N, C-alpha and C. Protein backbone atom coordinates (compact mmCIF):
# COMPACT_ATOMS: atom_id res chain seq x y z
N MET A 1 3.98 -25.54 31.70
CA MET A 1 4.75 -24.91 32.81
C MET A 1 5.99 -24.21 32.27
N TYR A 2 6.47 -24.42 30.85
CA TYR A 2 7.47 -23.59 30.23
C TYR A 2 7.15 -23.44 29.06
N GLY A 3 7.51 -22.19 28.17
CA GLY A 3 7.17 -21.63 26.98
C GLY A 3 6.08 -20.87 26.81
N ILE A 4 5.19 -20.52 27.82
CA ILE A 4 4.34 -19.53 27.72
C ILE A 4 4.93 -18.12 27.53
N HIS A 5 4.80 -17.31 26.73
CA HIS A 5 5.14 -16.18 26.56
C HIS A 5 4.40 -14.88 26.55
N GLN A 6 3.39 -15.22 26.29
CA GLN A 6 2.13 -14.15 26.21
C GLN A 6 1.73 -13.86 27.98
N LYS A 7 1.08 -12.74 27.92
CA LYS A 7 1.01 -12.29 29.43
C LYS A 7 -0.47 -13.25 29.92
N THR A 8 -0.21 -13.53 31.19
CA THR A 8 -1.37 -14.31 31.88
C THR A 8 -1.59 -13.46 32.97
N THR A 9 -2.16 -12.48 33.08
CA THR A 9 -2.50 -11.58 34.08
C THR A 9 -3.45 -12.30 34.99
N ALA A 10 -4.45 -12.41 34.72
CA ALA A 10 -5.89 -12.92 35.27
C ALA A 10 -5.38 -14.26 36.09
N ALA A 11 -4.57 -14.99 35.40
CA ALA A 11 -4.05 -16.37 36.25
C ALA A 11 -3.27 -15.86 37.47
N LYS A 12 -2.35 -14.95 37.08
CA LYS A 12 -1.43 -14.73 38.41
C LYS A 12 -2.29 -13.47 39.25
N VAL A 13 -3.15 -12.87 39.06
CA VAL A 13 -4.25 -12.05 40.21
C VAL A 13 -4.92 -13.18 40.71
N PHE A 14 -5.06 -14.49 40.15
CA PHE A 14 -6.07 -15.51 40.79
C PHE A 14 -4.88 -15.84 41.80
N ILE A 15 -3.47 -16.13 41.65
CA ILE A 15 -2.82 -16.83 42.72
C ILE A 15 -2.80 -15.94 43.85
N PHE A 16 -2.63 -14.55 43.53
CA PHE A 16 -2.48 -13.17 44.42
C PHE A 16 -3.58 -13.22 45.46
N ILE A 17 -4.95 -13.43 44.82
CA ILE A 17 -6.09 -13.33 45.65
C ILE A 17 -6.19 -14.51 46.63
N THR A 18 -5.76 -15.76 46.28
CA THR A 18 -5.79 -16.97 47.01
C THR A 18 -4.71 -16.66 48.22
N GLN A 19 -3.70 -16.29 47.86
CA GLN A 19 -2.85 -16.00 49.30
C GLN A 19 -3.45 -15.28 50.11
N ILE A 20 -3.98 -14.07 49.56
CA ILE A 20 -4.51 -13.10 50.67
C ILE A 20 -5.76 -14.01 51.51
N ILE A 21 -6.45 -14.45 50.82
CA ILE A 21 -7.61 -15.16 51.64
C ILE A 21 -6.54 -16.32 52.59
N TYR A 22 -5.70 -17.06 52.36
CA TYR A 22 -4.83 -18.03 52.90
C TYR A 22 -4.41 -17.10 54.21
N LEU A 23 -3.82 -15.94 54.07
CA LEU A 23 -3.27 -15.17 55.12
C LEU A 23 -4.24 -14.73 56.12
N ILE A 24 -5.38 -14.58 55.67
CA ILE A 24 -6.38 -14.13 56.67
C ILE A 24 -6.84 -15.42 57.45
N LEU A 25 -6.85 -16.53 56.92
CA LEU A 25 -7.10 -17.81 57.71
C LEU A 25 -5.91 -18.08 58.56
N ALA A 26 -4.79 -17.89 58.02
CA ALA A 26 -3.40 -18.11 58.89
C ALA A 26 -3.57 -17.40 60.17
N PHE A 27 -4.04 -15.81 59.95
CA PHE A 27 -3.80 -15.22 61.53
C PHE A 27 -4.97 -15.68 62.46
N PHE A 28 -6.21 -15.99 61.76
CA PHE A 28 -7.22 -16.42 62.41
C PHE A 28 -6.81 -17.77 63.21
N ILE A 29 -6.12 -18.71 62.38
CA ILE A 29 -5.70 -19.92 63.05
C ILE A 29 -4.71 -19.60 64.46
N LEU A 30 -3.70 -18.71 64.02
CA LEU A 30 -2.44 -18.61 64.82
C LEU A 30 -3.22 -17.73 66.17
N TYR A 31 -4.41 -16.73 66.04
CA TYR A 31 -4.69 -15.99 66.78
C TYR A 31 -5.81 -16.69 68.03
N ARG A 32 -6.27 -17.95 67.63
CA ARG A 32 -7.37 -18.34 68.15
C ARG A 32 -6.68 -19.19 69.06
N ASP A 33 -5.69 -19.58 69.04
CA ASP A 33 -5.49 -20.59 70.03
C ASP A 33 -4.13 -19.54 71.06
N ALA A 34 -4.80 -19.11 72.09
CA ALA A 34 -4.44 -18.12 73.23
C ALA A 34 -3.04 -18.92 74.04
N THR A 35 -2.87 -20.17 73.90
CA THR A 35 -2.04 -20.68 74.58
C THR A 35 -0.66 -20.99 74.02
N LEU A 36 -0.48 -20.35 72.56
CA LEU A 36 0.84 -20.56 71.76
C LEU A 36 1.75 -19.51 72.44
N ASP A 37 2.87 -20.19 72.33
CA ASP A 37 3.87 -18.98 72.77
C ASP A 37 3.82 -17.83 71.99
N ASN A 38 3.92 -16.65 72.29
CA ASN A 38 3.95 -15.43 71.54
C ASN A 38 5.04 -15.49 70.60
N TYR A 39 6.46 -15.79 71.11
CA TYR A 39 7.39 -15.80 70.25
C TYR A 39 7.42 -16.79 68.87
N ILE A 40 6.48 -18.04 69.12
CA ILE A 40 6.50 -18.73 67.73
C ILE A 40 5.33 -18.35 66.99
N ARG A 41 4.34 -17.75 67.74
CA ARG A 41 3.30 -17.02 66.68
C ARG A 41 3.98 -15.87 65.84
N TYR A 42 4.53 -14.97 66.51
CA TYR A 42 5.16 -13.55 65.74
C TYR A 42 6.23 -14.55 64.49
N THR A 43 6.75 -15.41 65.00
CA THR A 43 8.25 -15.89 64.14
C THR A 43 7.01 -16.48 62.59
N ILE A 44 6.03 -17.32 62.94
CA ILE A 44 5.23 -18.08 61.97
C ILE A 44 4.87 -16.90 61.05
N ILE A 45 4.06 -15.80 61.93
CA ILE A 45 3.54 -14.60 61.11
C ILE A 45 4.54 -13.85 60.26
N ILE A 46 5.61 -13.66 60.45
CA ILE A 46 6.82 -12.90 59.84
C ILE A 46 7.28 -13.91 58.62
N PHE A 47 7.26 -15.43 58.87
CA PHE A 47 8.03 -16.09 58.04
C PHE A 47 6.96 -16.06 56.82
N LEU A 48 5.47 -15.88 57.17
CA LEU A 48 4.38 -16.06 56.30
C LEU A 48 4.32 -14.56 55.25
N LEU A 49 4.62 -13.73 55.92
CA LEU A 49 4.66 -12.27 55.47
C LEU A 49 6.05 -12.26 54.57
N ILE A 50 7.18 -12.96 54.86
CA ILE A 50 8.02 -13.00 53.81
C ILE A 50 8.02 -13.72 52.66
N THR A 51 7.16 -14.96 52.91
CA THR A 51 6.83 -15.99 51.88
C THR A 51 5.88 -15.30 51.08
N PHE A 52 5.02 -14.46 51.66
CA PHE A 52 4.13 -13.88 50.46
C PHE A 52 4.85 -12.70 49.57
N LEU A 53 5.52 -11.92 50.02
CA LEU A 53 6.57 -10.80 49.49
C LEU A 53 7.31 -11.60 48.37
N ARG A 54 7.83 -12.70 48.85
CA ARG A 54 8.84 -13.24 48.02
C ARG A 54 8.06 -14.08 46.68
N LEU A 55 7.10 -14.65 47.20
CA LEU A 55 6.32 -15.43 46.04
C LEU A 55 5.66 -14.59 45.06
N ASN A 56 5.09 -13.42 45.58
CA ASN A 56 4.55 -12.39 44.59
C ASN A 56 5.46 -11.46 43.89
N ALA A 57 6.89 -11.37 44.41
CA ALA A 57 7.81 -10.58 43.44
C ALA A 57 8.21 -11.54 42.53
N MET A 58 8.34 -12.86 42.77
CA MET A 58 8.51 -13.82 41.83
C MET A 58 7.62 -13.69 40.59
N LEU A 59 6.28 -13.67 41.20
CA LEU A 59 5.23 -13.74 40.13
C LEU A 59 4.88 -12.78 39.34
N PHE A 60 5.24 -11.35 39.75
CA PHE A 60 4.87 -10.37 38.91
C PHE A 60 5.93 -9.55 38.59
N ILE A 61 7.23 -9.94 39.30
CA ILE A 61 8.75 -9.11 38.69
C ILE A 61 9.37 -10.08 38.30
N TRP A 62 9.97 -11.02 38.96
CA TRP A 62 11.25 -12.03 38.47
C TRP A 62 10.70 -13.09 37.30
N LEU A 63 9.25 -13.17 37.34
CA LEU A 63 8.77 -14.41 36.24
C LEU A 63 8.21 -13.77 35.16
N PRO A 64 8.92 -13.30 34.04
CA PRO A 64 8.41 -12.99 33.02
C PRO A 64 7.66 -13.45 32.10
N ARG A 65 7.72 -14.97 32.31
CA ARG A 65 6.70 -15.86 31.26
C ARG A 65 5.32 -15.85 31.84
N GLY A 66 4.43 -16.33 31.08
CA GLY A 66 3.17 -16.13 31.68
C GLY A 66 2.86 -17.44 32.26
N ILE A 67 1.73 -17.87 32.62
CA ILE A 67 1.62 -19.22 33.61
C ILE A 67 0.03 -19.61 33.17
N SER A 68 -0.08 -21.24 32.74
CA SER A 68 -1.56 -21.40 32.43
C SER A 68 -2.16 -21.47 33.62
N TRP A 69 -3.59 -21.70 33.63
CA TRP A 69 -4.40 -21.67 34.42
C TRP A 69 -4.42 -23.15 35.30
N LYS A 70 -4.19 -23.93 34.78
CA LYS A 70 -3.57 -25.32 35.34
C LYS A 70 -2.51 -25.16 36.23
N GLU A 71 -1.40 -24.36 35.89
CA GLU A 71 -0.38 -24.21 36.98
C GLU A 71 -0.82 -23.05 37.98
N SER A 72 -1.77 -22.09 37.51
CA SER A 72 -2.24 -21.14 38.32
C SER A 72 -2.89 -21.95 39.71
N ILE A 73 -3.60 -22.82 39.29
CA ILE A 73 -4.63 -23.22 40.21
C ILE A 73 -3.85 -24.40 41.18
N GLY A 74 -2.86 -25.02 40.44
CA GLY A 74 -2.08 -25.89 40.84
C GLY A 74 -0.94 -25.25 42.05
N ASN A 75 -0.68 -24.32 41.72
CA ASN A 75 0.53 -23.44 42.53
C ASN A 75 -0.43 -22.86 43.86
N SER A 76 -1.81 -22.47 43.34
CA SER A 76 -2.51 -21.83 44.63
C SER A 76 -3.09 -23.17 45.73
N LEU A 77 -3.20 -24.38 45.19
CA LEU A 77 -3.41 -25.34 46.13
C LEU A 77 -2.12 -25.40 46.92
N ALA A 78 -0.99 -25.52 46.20
CA ALA A 78 0.31 -26.06 46.91
C ALA A 78 0.48 -25.04 47.95
N PHE A 79 0.35 -23.60 47.66
CA PHE A 79 0.71 -22.44 48.55
C PHE A 79 -0.05 -22.77 49.98
N ALA A 80 -1.34 -23.32 50.01
CA ALA A 80 -2.23 -23.41 50.96
C ALA A 80 -1.42 -24.34 52.08
N ILE A 81 -0.33 -25.04 51.45
CA ILE A 81 0.36 -26.05 52.54
C ILE A 81 1.08 -25.28 53.67
N TYR A 82 1.70 -23.78 52.80
CA TYR A 82 2.68 -23.28 53.41
C TYR A 82 1.93 -22.22 54.33
N TYR A 83 0.70 -21.61 53.74
CA TYR A 83 -0.03 -20.38 54.36
C TYR A 83 -0.84 -21.01 55.66
N ILE A 84 -1.27 -22.29 55.34
CA ILE A 84 -2.68 -22.89 55.94
C ILE A 84 -1.90 -24.29 56.77
N GLY A 85 -1.00 -24.77 56.30
CA GLY A 85 -0.71 -26.19 56.91
C GLY A 85 0.20 -25.79 57.66
N PHE A 86 1.29 -25.01 57.83
CA PHE A 86 2.34 -24.55 58.82
C PHE A 86 1.63 -24.17 60.11
N PRO A 87 0.68 -23.00 60.03
CA PRO A 87 -0.13 -22.49 61.24
C PRO A 87 -0.77 -23.79 61.66
N LEU A 88 -1.42 -24.68 60.99
CA LEU A 88 -1.95 -25.76 61.82
C LEU A 88 -1.18 -26.73 62.41
N PHE A 89 -0.19 -27.18 61.94
CA PHE A 89 0.86 -27.65 62.56
C PHE A 89 1.51 -26.94 63.65
N THR A 90 1.41 -25.80 63.79
CA THR A 90 2.05 -24.94 65.00
C THR A 90 1.09 -25.12 66.08
N VAL A 91 -0.33 -24.86 65.54
CA VAL A 91 -1.08 -24.96 66.61
C VAL A 91 -1.67 -26.57 67.63
N TYR A 92 -1.58 -27.25 66.75
CA TYR A 92 -1.71 -28.75 67.28
C TYR A 92 -0.33 -29.39 67.28
N SER A 93 0.63 -28.85 67.45
CA SER A 93 2.13 -29.37 68.00
C SER A 93 2.14 -30.04 69.40
N GLN A 94 2.07 -31.34 69.66
CA GLN A 94 2.12 -31.59 71.12
C GLN A 94 3.68 -31.63 71.62
N ALA A 95 4.33 -31.14 70.98
CA ALA A 95 5.72 -30.91 71.52
C ALA A 95 6.07 -29.84 72.53
N ASP A 96 6.96 -29.83 73.70
CA ASP A 96 7.34 -28.66 74.06
C ASP A 96 8.18 -27.60 73.38
N SER A 97 8.32 -26.38 73.52
CA SER A 97 9.19 -25.78 72.95
C SER A 97 10.53 -26.13 72.99
N ASN A 98 11.26 -26.12 71.56
CA ASN A 98 12.35 -26.74 71.26
C ASN A 98 13.52 -25.64 70.74
N ILE A 99 14.23 -25.13 71.49
CA ILE A 99 15.05 -23.96 71.12
C ILE A 99 15.96 -23.94 69.84
N ALA A 100 16.51 -25.55 70.22
CA ALA A 100 17.47 -25.77 69.21
C ALA A 100 16.65 -26.04 67.74
N MET A 101 15.70 -26.43 67.78
CA MET A 101 14.64 -26.67 66.60
C MET A 101 14.43 -25.52 65.79
N TYR A 102 14.10 -24.55 66.93
CA TYR A 102 13.60 -23.07 66.41
C TYR A 102 14.70 -22.36 65.89
N VAL A 103 15.77 -22.57 66.31
CA VAL A 103 16.88 -21.41 65.93
C VAL A 103 17.46 -22.01 64.56
N ILE A 104 17.34 -23.72 64.55
CA ILE A 104 17.97 -23.89 63.16
C ILE A 104 17.05 -23.71 61.95
N GLY A 105 15.73 -23.83 62.53
CA GLY A 105 14.56 -23.38 61.63
C GLY A 105 14.67 -22.13 61.18
N ILE A 106 15.08 -21.39 61.88
CA ILE A 106 15.30 -19.64 61.26
C ILE A 106 16.44 -19.51 60.61
N VAL A 107 17.25 -19.98 60.70
CA VAL A 107 18.80 -20.23 59.87
C VAL A 107 18.65 -20.66 58.55
N LEU A 108 17.77 -21.88 58.38
CA LEU A 108 17.37 -22.34 57.31
C LEU A 108 16.38 -21.72 56.24
N PHE A 109 15.51 -21.35 57.24
CA PHE A 109 14.37 -20.47 56.45
C PHE A 109 15.38 -19.09 55.71
N LEU A 110 15.90 -18.38 56.58
CA LEU A 110 16.86 -17.18 55.78
C LEU A 110 17.67 -17.43 55.11
N ALA A 111 18.33 -18.82 55.31
CA ALA A 111 19.49 -19.19 54.12
C ALA A 111 18.79 -19.62 52.69
N GLY A 112 17.58 -20.38 52.64
CA GLY A 112 17.08 -20.84 51.57
C GLY A 112 16.27 -19.58 50.92
N SER A 113 15.53 -18.64 51.55
CA SER A 113 15.01 -17.59 51.20
C SER A 113 15.92 -16.83 50.34
N PHE A 114 17.20 -16.62 50.91
CA PHE A 114 18.20 -15.82 50.14
C PHE A 114 18.73 -16.37 49.17
N ILE A 115 19.10 -17.73 49.35
CA ILE A 115 19.53 -18.59 48.04
C ILE A 115 18.67 -18.70 46.64
N ASN A 116 17.18 -18.57 47.31
CA ASN A 116 16.16 -18.71 46.12
C ASN A 116 15.97 -17.53 45.52
N THR A 117 15.84 -16.19 46.28
CA THR A 117 15.66 -14.71 46.03
C THR A 117 16.91 -14.66 45.30
N THR A 118 18.23 -14.46 45.51
CA THR A 118 19.37 -13.90 45.15
C THR A 118 19.51 -14.76 43.71
N SER A 119 19.37 -15.83 43.58
CA SER A 119 19.66 -16.78 42.25
C SER A 119 18.85 -16.31 41.26
N GLU A 120 17.84 -16.11 41.58
CA GLU A 120 16.44 -15.41 40.69
C GLU A 120 17.14 -13.82 40.07
N LEU A 121 17.40 -13.17 41.25
CA LEU A 121 17.81 -11.69 40.96
C LEU A 121 19.06 -11.63 40.09
N LEU A 122 20.08 -12.46 40.32
CA LEU A 122 20.99 -12.58 39.34
C LEU A 122 20.86 -12.78 38.06
N ARG A 123 19.96 -13.96 37.86
CA ARG A 123 19.41 -14.63 36.43
C ARG A 123 18.64 -13.34 35.85
N LYS A 124 18.11 -12.63 36.30
CA LYS A 124 16.81 -11.59 35.79
C LYS A 124 17.67 -10.63 34.59
N PRO A 125 18.80 -10.06 34.91
CA PRO A 125 19.29 -9.19 34.28
C PRO A 125 19.87 -9.70 32.72
N PHE A 126 20.46 -11.20 33.06
CA PHE A 126 20.86 -11.95 31.74
C PHE A 126 19.61 -12.17 30.95
N LYS A 127 18.57 -12.67 31.71
CA LYS A 127 17.14 -13.09 30.70
C LYS A 127 16.81 -12.11 29.96
N ALA A 128 16.99 -10.82 30.35
CA ALA A 128 16.46 -9.66 30.06
C ALA A 128 17.10 -8.95 28.93
N ASP A 129 18.32 -9.19 28.84
CA ASP A 129 19.30 -8.97 27.81
C ASP A 129 19.01 -9.32 26.51
N PRO A 130 18.70 -8.84 25.18
CA PRO A 130 18.16 -9.58 23.84
C PRO A 130 19.49 -9.80 23.54
N ALA A 131 20.79 -9.31 23.87
CA ALA A 131 21.96 -9.97 23.31
C ALA A 131 22.33 -11.30 23.86
N ASN A 132 21.25 -11.88 24.84
CA ASN A 132 21.59 -13.49 25.46
C ASN A 132 20.81 -14.06 25.04
N LYS A 133 19.79 -13.95 24.26
CA LYS A 133 18.60 -14.97 23.51
C LYS A 133 19.46 -15.93 22.93
N GLY A 134 18.78 -17.07 23.21
CA GLY A 134 19.50 -18.17 23.11
C GLY A 134 20.39 -19.33 23.66
N LYS A 135 21.03 -18.24 24.81
CA LYS A 135 22.08 -18.40 25.38
C LYS A 135 21.83 -19.12 27.02
N LEU A 136 22.31 -20.24 27.50
CA LEU A 136 21.87 -20.55 28.65
C LEU A 136 22.83 -19.89 29.88
N TYR A 137 21.91 -19.46 30.72
CA TYR A 137 22.57 -19.02 32.15
C TYR A 137 23.10 -19.91 33.15
N ARG A 138 24.47 -19.63 33.33
CA ARG A 138 25.40 -20.50 34.02
C ARG A 138 26.02 -19.67 35.03
N GLY A 139 25.63 -18.54 35.17
CA GLY A 139 26.42 -17.54 36.29
C GLY A 139 25.67 -17.50 37.82
N GLY A 140 26.29 -16.52 38.57
CA GLY A 140 25.82 -16.25 39.77
C GLY A 140 25.80 -17.67 40.71
N LEU A 141 24.54 -17.83 41.41
CA LEU A 141 24.56 -18.93 42.14
C LEU A 141 24.16 -20.27 41.44
N PHE A 142 23.65 -20.03 40.09
CA PHE A 142 23.56 -21.36 39.13
C PHE A 142 24.83 -22.12 38.82
N LYS A 143 25.95 -21.55 39.11
CA LYS A 143 27.07 -22.28 38.90
C LYS A 143 27.62 -23.36 39.82
N TYR A 144 26.86 -23.37 41.11
CA TYR A 144 26.96 -24.25 42.09
C TYR A 144 25.83 -25.47 41.88
N ALA A 145 24.84 -25.07 41.16
CA ALA A 145 23.73 -26.14 41.07
C ALA A 145 22.85 -25.84 39.89
N ILE A 146 22.43 -26.73 38.98
CA ILE A 146 21.68 -26.16 37.90
C ILE A 146 20.32 -25.92 38.44
N HIS A 147 19.68 -26.51 39.53
CA HIS A 147 18.47 -26.00 40.10
C HIS A 147 18.86 -25.58 41.55
N ILE A 148 19.64 -24.72 41.80
CA ILE A 148 19.97 -23.94 42.95
C ILE A 148 18.77 -23.53 43.29
N ASN A 149 17.75 -22.79 42.63
CA ASN A 149 16.60 -22.09 43.04
C ASN A 149 15.77 -23.21 43.80
N TYR A 150 15.69 -24.42 43.25
CA TYR A 150 14.73 -25.47 43.95
C TYR A 150 15.42 -25.84 45.02
N TYR A 151 16.90 -25.92 45.44
CA TYR A 151 17.57 -25.95 46.50
C TYR A 151 17.15 -25.29 47.79
N GLY A 152 17.13 -24.01 47.22
CA GLY A 152 16.63 -22.71 48.13
C GLY A 152 15.19 -23.07 48.98
N ASP A 153 14.37 -23.56 47.87
CA ASP A 153 13.11 -23.93 48.02
C ASP A 153 13.01 -24.68 49.29
N ILE A 154 13.74 -25.96 49.17
CA ILE A 154 13.65 -27.16 50.01
C ILE A 154 14.38 -26.34 51.51
N LEU A 155 15.25 -25.55 51.36
CA LEU A 155 15.97 -25.30 52.77
C LEU A 155 14.77 -24.38 53.44
N TRP A 156 14.37 -23.47 52.63
CA TRP A 156 13.41 -22.45 53.33
C TRP A 156 12.40 -23.28 53.91
N VAL A 157 11.54 -24.14 53.19
CA VAL A 157 10.30 -24.94 53.63
C VAL A 157 10.89 -25.90 54.83
N ALA A 158 11.94 -26.22 54.89
CA ALA A 158 12.16 -27.16 55.89
C ALA A 158 12.50 -26.23 57.25
N GLY A 159 12.86 -25.10 56.98
CA GLY A 159 13.00 -24.06 58.10
C GLY A 159 11.65 -23.99 58.50
N PHE A 160 10.79 -23.56 57.67
CA PHE A 160 9.45 -23.13 57.99
C PHE A 160 8.90 -24.42 58.92
N ALA A 161 9.22 -25.37 58.35
CA ALA A 161 8.69 -26.56 59.09
C ALA A 161 9.33 -26.94 60.60
N LEU A 162 10.44 -26.61 60.51
CA LEU A 162 10.96 -26.80 61.97
C LEU A 162 10.49 -25.70 63.00
N VAL A 163 10.33 -24.47 62.75
CA VAL A 163 9.99 -23.52 63.60
C VAL A 163 8.31 -23.59 64.23
N THR A 164 7.90 -24.81 63.57
CA THR A 164 6.14 -25.29 64.21
C THR A 164 6.45 -26.07 65.12
N ILE A 165 7.85 -26.62 65.55
CA ILE A 165 7.93 -27.35 66.65
C ILE A 165 7.14 -28.59 66.37
N ASN A 166 6.95 -29.17 65.04
CA ASN A 166 6.22 -30.03 65.09
C ASN A 166 6.29 -31.11 63.96
N VAL A 167 7.20 -32.18 64.59
CA VAL A 167 8.14 -33.33 63.53
C VAL A 167 7.31 -33.41 62.23
N TRP A 168 6.05 -33.51 62.58
CA TRP A 168 5.13 -34.27 61.30
C TRP A 168 5.28 -32.98 60.24
N ALA A 169 5.56 -31.74 60.58
CA ALA A 169 5.46 -30.62 59.51
C ALA A 169 6.96 -30.97 58.50
N LEU A 170 7.81 -31.82 59.21
CA LEU A 170 8.86 -31.89 58.19
C LEU A 170 8.25 -33.17 57.04
N LEU A 171 7.27 -33.56 57.12
CA LEU A 171 6.81 -34.21 55.84
C LEU A 171 6.67 -33.38 54.56
N VAL A 172 6.42 -31.91 54.74
CA VAL A 172 6.14 -31.03 53.84
C VAL A 172 7.59 -30.94 52.89
N PRO A 173 8.66 -30.63 53.64
CA PRO A 173 9.93 -30.50 52.96
C PRO A 173 10.34 -31.97 52.19
N LEU A 174 9.98 -32.67 52.98
CA LEU A 174 10.29 -34.26 52.31
C LEU A 174 9.80 -34.46 51.01
N PHE A 175 8.34 -33.95 50.96
CA PHE A 175 7.40 -34.44 49.95
C PHE A 175 8.00 -33.30 48.76
N LEU A 176 8.34 -32.17 49.34
CA LEU A 176 8.95 -31.29 48.13
C LEU A 176 10.08 -31.70 47.66
N PHE A 177 10.97 -32.16 48.54
CA PHE A 177 12.27 -32.81 47.71
C PHE A 177 11.95 -33.80 46.82
N LEU A 178 10.94 -34.83 47.16
CA LEU A 178 10.63 -35.97 46.25
C LEU A 178 10.05 -35.41 44.85
N MET A 179 9.25 -34.49 45.06
CA MET A 179 8.93 -33.80 43.67
C MET A 179 9.78 -33.14 42.78
N PHE A 180 10.69 -32.59 43.77
CA PHE A 180 11.87 -31.96 42.76
C PHE A 180 12.66 -33.05 41.95
N VAL A 181 13.17 -34.11 42.80
CA VAL A 181 13.77 -34.97 42.17
C VAL A 181 13.28 -35.90 41.18
N PHE A 182 11.67 -36.27 41.44
CA PHE A 182 10.96 -37.32 40.53
C PHE A 182 10.44 -36.54 39.67
N SER A 183 9.86 -35.35 39.58
CA SER A 183 9.17 -34.54 38.51
C SER A 183 9.43 -33.37 38.12
N TYR A 184 9.78 -32.40 38.88
CA TYR A 184 10.29 -31.05 38.60
C TYR A 184 11.62 -31.03 37.62
N ILE A 185 12.45 -31.43 38.64
CA ILE A 185 13.97 -31.75 37.88
C ILE A 185 13.99 -32.46 36.57
N PRO A 186 13.58 -33.55 36.49
CA PRO A 186 13.57 -34.09 35.16
C PRO A 186 12.78 -33.40 34.12
N ASN A 187 11.61 -32.81 34.45
CA ASN A 187 10.76 -32.04 33.38
C ASN A 187 11.50 -30.86 32.91
N ALA A 188 12.26 -30.15 33.81
CA ALA A 188 13.04 -29.11 33.62
C ALA A 188 14.20 -29.28 32.76
N ASP A 189 14.83 -30.44 33.12
CA ASP A 189 16.00 -30.91 32.39
C ASP A 189 15.88 -31.15 30.89
N LYS A 190 14.43 -31.90 30.71
CA LYS A 190 14.21 -32.26 29.48
C LYS A 190 14.01 -30.86 28.82
N TYR A 191 13.14 -30.03 29.32
CA TYR A 191 12.79 -28.64 28.51
C TYR A 191 14.14 -27.88 28.15
N LEU A 192 15.01 -28.13 29.18
CA LEU A 192 16.58 -27.29 28.75
C LEU A 192 17.32 -28.00 27.70
N LEU A 193 17.33 -29.05 27.78
CA LEU A 193 17.92 -29.91 26.90
C LEU A 193 17.21 -29.83 25.44
N GLU A 194 16.39 -29.54 25.27
CA GLU A 194 15.54 -29.41 24.00
C GLU A 194 15.73 -27.84 23.41
N LYS A 195 15.99 -27.02 24.58
CA LYS A 195 16.05 -25.82 24.01
C LYS A 195 17.22 -25.27 23.74
N TYR A 196 18.42 -25.89 24.69
CA TYR A 196 19.83 -25.48 24.66
C TYR A 196 20.53 -26.59 23.87
N GLY A 197 20.18 -27.49 24.06
CA GLY A 197 21.27 -28.60 23.32
C GLY A 197 22.48 -28.86 24.21
N SER A 198 23.43 -28.59 23.15
CA SER A 198 25.01 -29.05 23.73
C SER A 198 25.26 -28.20 24.73
N GLN A 199 24.60 -26.66 24.95
CA GLN A 199 25.26 -25.92 25.97
C GLN A 199 24.23 -26.27 27.08
N PHE A 200 23.49 -27.03 27.33
CA PHE A 200 22.74 -27.71 28.24
C PHE A 200 23.80 -29.38 28.80
N GLU A 201 24.17 -29.86 27.85
CA GLU A 201 24.80 -31.13 27.93
C GLU A 201 26.03 -30.81 28.48
N ASP A 202 26.74 -29.76 28.39
CA ASP A 202 27.85 -29.59 28.90
C ASP A 202 27.75 -28.75 30.49
N TYR A 203 26.79 -28.06 30.51
CA TYR A 203 26.46 -27.63 31.83
C TYR A 203 25.93 -28.58 32.78
N GLN A 204 25.35 -29.83 32.32
CA GLN A 204 24.97 -31.23 33.28
C GLN A 204 26.41 -31.89 33.42
N LYS A 205 27.25 -31.94 32.77
CA LYS A 205 28.69 -32.50 32.79
C LYS A 205 29.47 -31.71 34.00
N HIS A 206 29.23 -30.66 34.26
CA HIS A 206 30.29 -29.84 34.94
C HIS A 206 29.64 -29.16 36.38
N THR A 207 28.31 -29.41 36.76
CA THR A 207 27.64 -28.97 37.50
C THR A 207 26.73 -29.78 38.06
N LYS A 208 26.37 -29.85 39.31
CA LYS A 208 25.77 -30.78 40.23
C LYS A 208 24.22 -30.22 39.98
N ARG A 209 23.31 -31.23 40.20
CA ARG A 209 21.60 -30.98 39.86
C ARG A 209 21.07 -29.97 40.88
N LEU A 210 21.26 -30.42 42.02
CA LEU A 210 20.25 -29.73 43.12
C LEU A 210 21.40 -29.42 44.02
N ILE A 211 21.93 -30.04 44.93
CA ILE A 211 22.53 -30.10 46.11
C ILE A 211 24.37 -29.47 45.83
N PRO A 212 24.60 -28.28 45.62
CA PRO A 212 26.12 -28.02 45.91
C PRO A 212 26.94 -28.64 46.28
N PHE A 213 27.71 -29.04 45.54
CA PHE A 213 28.92 -30.05 45.98
C PHE A 213 28.63 -31.56 46.19
N ILE A 214 27.37 -31.65 46.09
CA ILE A 214 27.28 -33.49 46.85
C ILE A 214 26.29 -34.04 45.28
N TRP A 215 24.84 -33.30 44.93
CA TRP A 215 24.46 -34.02 43.78
C TRP A 215 23.73 -33.18 43.16
């Protein structure tokens, strides 16, 4: 997951192509159900397109490191949960339209997308500057949490789940949260500690791990 510095264009293109396939399937699922409220359908489509743009901007613009084929295949399978899973949750929802759930979902999706994208955008110039080689980035939104980008992921995925108006969809952000807490964050912390040593130790002492002001 970390430390791959050579270009891995083929692996990234594979992820891109799978997302295109997922989008086509998602459109088919959403338009096959004629009883689905149009405002829900259009919201899901807009969220899918925003997700597509953000994920691929991260993949080709904001993520300078290479990725392994294992990570490429793993990410492609995980993305199916967003592109295919949420449309399926939407069309198979047994609940009546819930405006409060819908509005909260939109707010969380936009907030999470902003936090995730902005944190990466602010960090990129620092990482691209040769003068900062060997220095740990602690600025921007990362001063509020070590893994603020993961926090943004949890928010936008939770928002996406809510606009499906299907409570079972909330299992997706719950699973993502557990994955971050018990797998991604420990592995990332281990890598950062090995790479930055005392810089990261000091960062840990003064900064929350995932949720600003809480944990």
